[in-house]
Each structure stands twice: as structure tokens, then as C-alpha cells.
């Protein structure tokens, strides 16, 4: 009987909606993480640099920011339906070359989920 109760409690935890949700990031901490990106990107104005402006990136189709010369791989990813939302940004920021094979972005990616979540929270502030 005890084993059944423990198993039931454990399965309830697995099915709990909170367990599967992504962690909300801290935008202030994300501003610090963004310093790794600032050599190539800006987020507070619509200005391309080595990389495209990230102002308004959430909700943008990949490879479509005006006046930026994207890799063919990024253009094709956008044509294939890649839109930057929290989930796709998380995958890309973790390993850009795995998410978009052939991207010209040389950054290897962020290894900590906390840093990625914080960076996404910061980008969301500039995507409204």
C-alpha cells in the first residue's frame, strides 16, 4: 500500500504543470550576460553591426532583419518557418551551429540554462 502511495505521489509530481515549465529569467542578470553579445549586436536601437540588431527579435522570422546580410543558412531557416520565440532562442543560444547549420555567427553558445533564460528575459524587454 505504501509503495502505491509513493508511486502515485511521484507520478503526480511528474504530471504537475510547473515541473515542465521553463524558468523565468532575470532581465537585470540578462543585461550582464548580453555583454558577451555586445561586440556584435545591439538591442536598444535598430542598428546592425557585425550581427543584426536584436531589438524586437522575439517574434521575428529568422534571417529577415532589414539591411543585414545573413548567411544563406539563416535565410533558409526563416523561409522554413524559424521564428524567434523563447524556445527557439533557447536552442539557438545554447548551440547556434546545431540549431542553424551554416550560420555565420561564430559564438559557440551559452552553456548555463540560467544565463540563457536571463538573456531571453533581457531580450524580451526590448521586443515589445
Protein backbone atom coordinates (compact mmCIF):
# COMPACT_ATOMS: atom_id res chain seq x y z
CA UNK A 1 0.00 0.00 0.00
CA UNK A 2 2.83 2.41 0.89
CA UNK A 3 4.59 1.67 -2.38
CA UNK A 4 1.43 2.52 -4.30
CA UNK A 5 1.05 5.80 -2.39
CA UNK A 6 4.69 6.75 -3.07
CA UNK A 7 4.34 5.84 -6.74
CA UNK A 8 1.14 7.88 -7.01
CA UNK A 9 2.78 10.89 -5.35
CA UNK A 10 5.79 10.62 -7.63
CA UNK A 11 3.66 10.39 -10.77
CA UNK A 12 1.65 13.42 -9.63
CA UNK A 13 4.89 15.38 -9.42
CA UNK A 14 5.83 14.33 -12.94
CA UNK A 15 2.47 15.46 -14.28
CA UNK A 16 2.47 18.76 -12.39
CA UNK A 17 2.40 21.64 -14.92
CA UNK A 18 5.08 23.55 -13.04
CA UNK A 19 7.60 20.75 -13.49
CA UNK A 20 7.69 21.11 -17.27
CA UNK A 21 7.73 24.89 -17.49
CA UNK A 22 10.85 26.85 -18.34
CA UNK A 23 12.33 29.01 -15.65
CA UNK A 24 11.60 32.72 -15.89
CA UNK A 25 14.78 34.66 -16.35
CA UNK A 26 16.05 37.76 -14.60
CA UNK A 27 16.32 40.62 -17.11
CA UNK A 28 18.84 42.51 -14.97
CA UNK A 29 21.13 39.47 -14.88
CA UNK A 30 20.46 39.08 -18.61
CA UNK A 31 21.89 42.55 -19.23
CA UNK A 32 25.16 41.26 -17.80
CA UNK A 33 25.03 38.13 -19.99
CA UNK A 34 24.33 40.35 -23.02
CA UNK A 35 27.81 41.88 -22.63
CA UNK A 36 29.05 38.69 -24.33
CA UNK A 37 26.85 39.59 -27.32
CA UNK A 38 27.51 43.34 -27.39
CA UNK A 39 30.66 43.09 -29.50
CA UNK A 40 28.46 42.12 -32.45
CA UNK A 41 24.85 43.06 -31.54
CA UNK A 42 22.86 45.95 -30.13
CA UNK A 43 19.48 45.57 -28.51
CA UNK A 44 18.48 49.09 -27.51
CA UNK A 45 18.31 50.52 -31.03
CA UNK A 46 17.56 49.30 -34.51
CA UNK A 47 21.14 49.27 -35.75
CA UNK A 48 23.02 46.42 -37.37
CA UNK A 49 26.65 45.80 -36.51
CA UNK A 50 28.67 42.68 -37.21
CA UNK A 51 25.42 40.90 -36.32
CA UNK A 52 21.85 42.12 -36.81
CA UNK A 53 20.09 44.34 -34.28
CA UNK A 54 18.33 42.28 -31.64
CA UNK A 55 15.78 44.99 -30.91
CA UNK A 56 12.42 43.34 -31.46
CA UNK A 57 13.97 39.93 -32.11
CA UNK A 58 11.26 37.97 -30.30
CA UNK A 59 8.57 37.23 -32.86
CA UNK A 60 10.86 37.97 -35.82
CA UNK A 61 11.31 35.44 -38.59
CA UNK A 62 14.94 34.31 -38.74
CA UNK A 63 17.06 35.95 -41.41
CA UNK A 64 14.74 38.89 -42.07
CA UNK A 65 16.08 42.00 -40.32
CA UNK A 66 16.36 44.75 -42.95
CA UNK A 67 19.74 45.74 -44.36
CA UNK A 68 21.61 42.85 -42.77
CA UNK A 69 23.46 40.29 -44.90
CA UNK A 70 22.54 36.94 -43.38
CA UNK A 71 24.09 33.59 -44.22
CA UNK A 72 22.12 31.56 -46.71
CA UNK A 73 21.53 29.03 -43.93
CA UNK A 74 19.78 31.64 -41.75
CA UNK A 75 17.69 32.90 -44.67
CA UNK A 76 16.63 29.32 -45.45
CA UNK A 77 15.83 28.68 -41.77
CA UNK A 78 13.48 31.67 -41.82
CA UNK A 79 11.88 30.54 -45.07
CA UNK A 80 11.45 27.16 -43.43
CA UNK A 81 9.44 28.69 -40.60
CA UNK A 82 12.01 29.52 -37.92
CA UNK A 83 10.63 32.36 -35.82
CA UNK A 84 12.50 33.60 -32.76
CA UNK A 85 10.47 32.83 -29.67
CA UNK A 86 11.67 31.78 -26.23
CA UNK A 87 12.03 28.11 -27.16
CA UNK A 88 13.85 28.65 -30.46
CA UNK A 89 16.10 31.31 -28.95
CA UNK A 90 16.95 28.95 -26.10
CA UNK A 91 18.03 26.25 -28.55
CA UNK A 92 19.98 28.72 -30.68
CA UNK A 93 21.73 30.42 -27.77
CA UNK A 94 22.75 27.05 -26.38
CA UNK A 95 24.33 25.91 -29.65
CA UNK A 96 23.93 28.24 -32.65
CA UNK A 97 25.65 25.94 -35.14
CA UNK A 98 23.46 22.99 -34.18
CA UNK A 99 20.22 24.98 -34.46
CA UNK A 100 21.10 26.63 -37.79
CA UNK A 101 23.77 24.61 -39.57
CA UNK A 102 25.79 27.05 -41.64
CA UNK A 103 25.11 30.17 -39.57
CA UNK A 104 27.90 32.69 -39.80
CA UNK A 105 27.62 33.50 -36.09
CA UNK A 106 30.92 32.40 -34.55
CA UNK A 107 29.76 32.46 -30.92
CA UNK A 108 29.89 28.92 -29.51
CA UNK A 109 26.82 29.35 -27.29
CA UNK A 110 25.92 29.74 -23.64
CA UNK A 111 26.35 26.62 -21.52
CA UNK A 112 24.20 27.53 -18.50
CA UNK A 113 20.41 27.41 -18.77
CA UNK A 114 20.25 30.20 -16.19
CA UNK A 115 22.30 32.51 -18.43
CA UNK A 116 20.13 31.66 -21.43
CA UNK A 117 16.90 32.28 -19.51
CA UNK A 118 18.25 35.58 -18.16
CA UNK A 119 19.37 36.70 -21.62
CA UNK A 120 15.97 35.87 -23.10
CA UNK A 121 14.27 37.87 -20.32
CA UNK A 122 16.52 40.80 -21.23
CA UNK A 123 15.76 40.47 -24.95
CA UNK A 124 12.03 40.35 -24.17
CA UNK A 125 12.30 43.83 -22.62
CA UNK A 126 13.49 45.11 -26.00
CA UNK A 127 10.94 43.22 -28.07
CA UNK A 128 7.72 44.93 -27.02
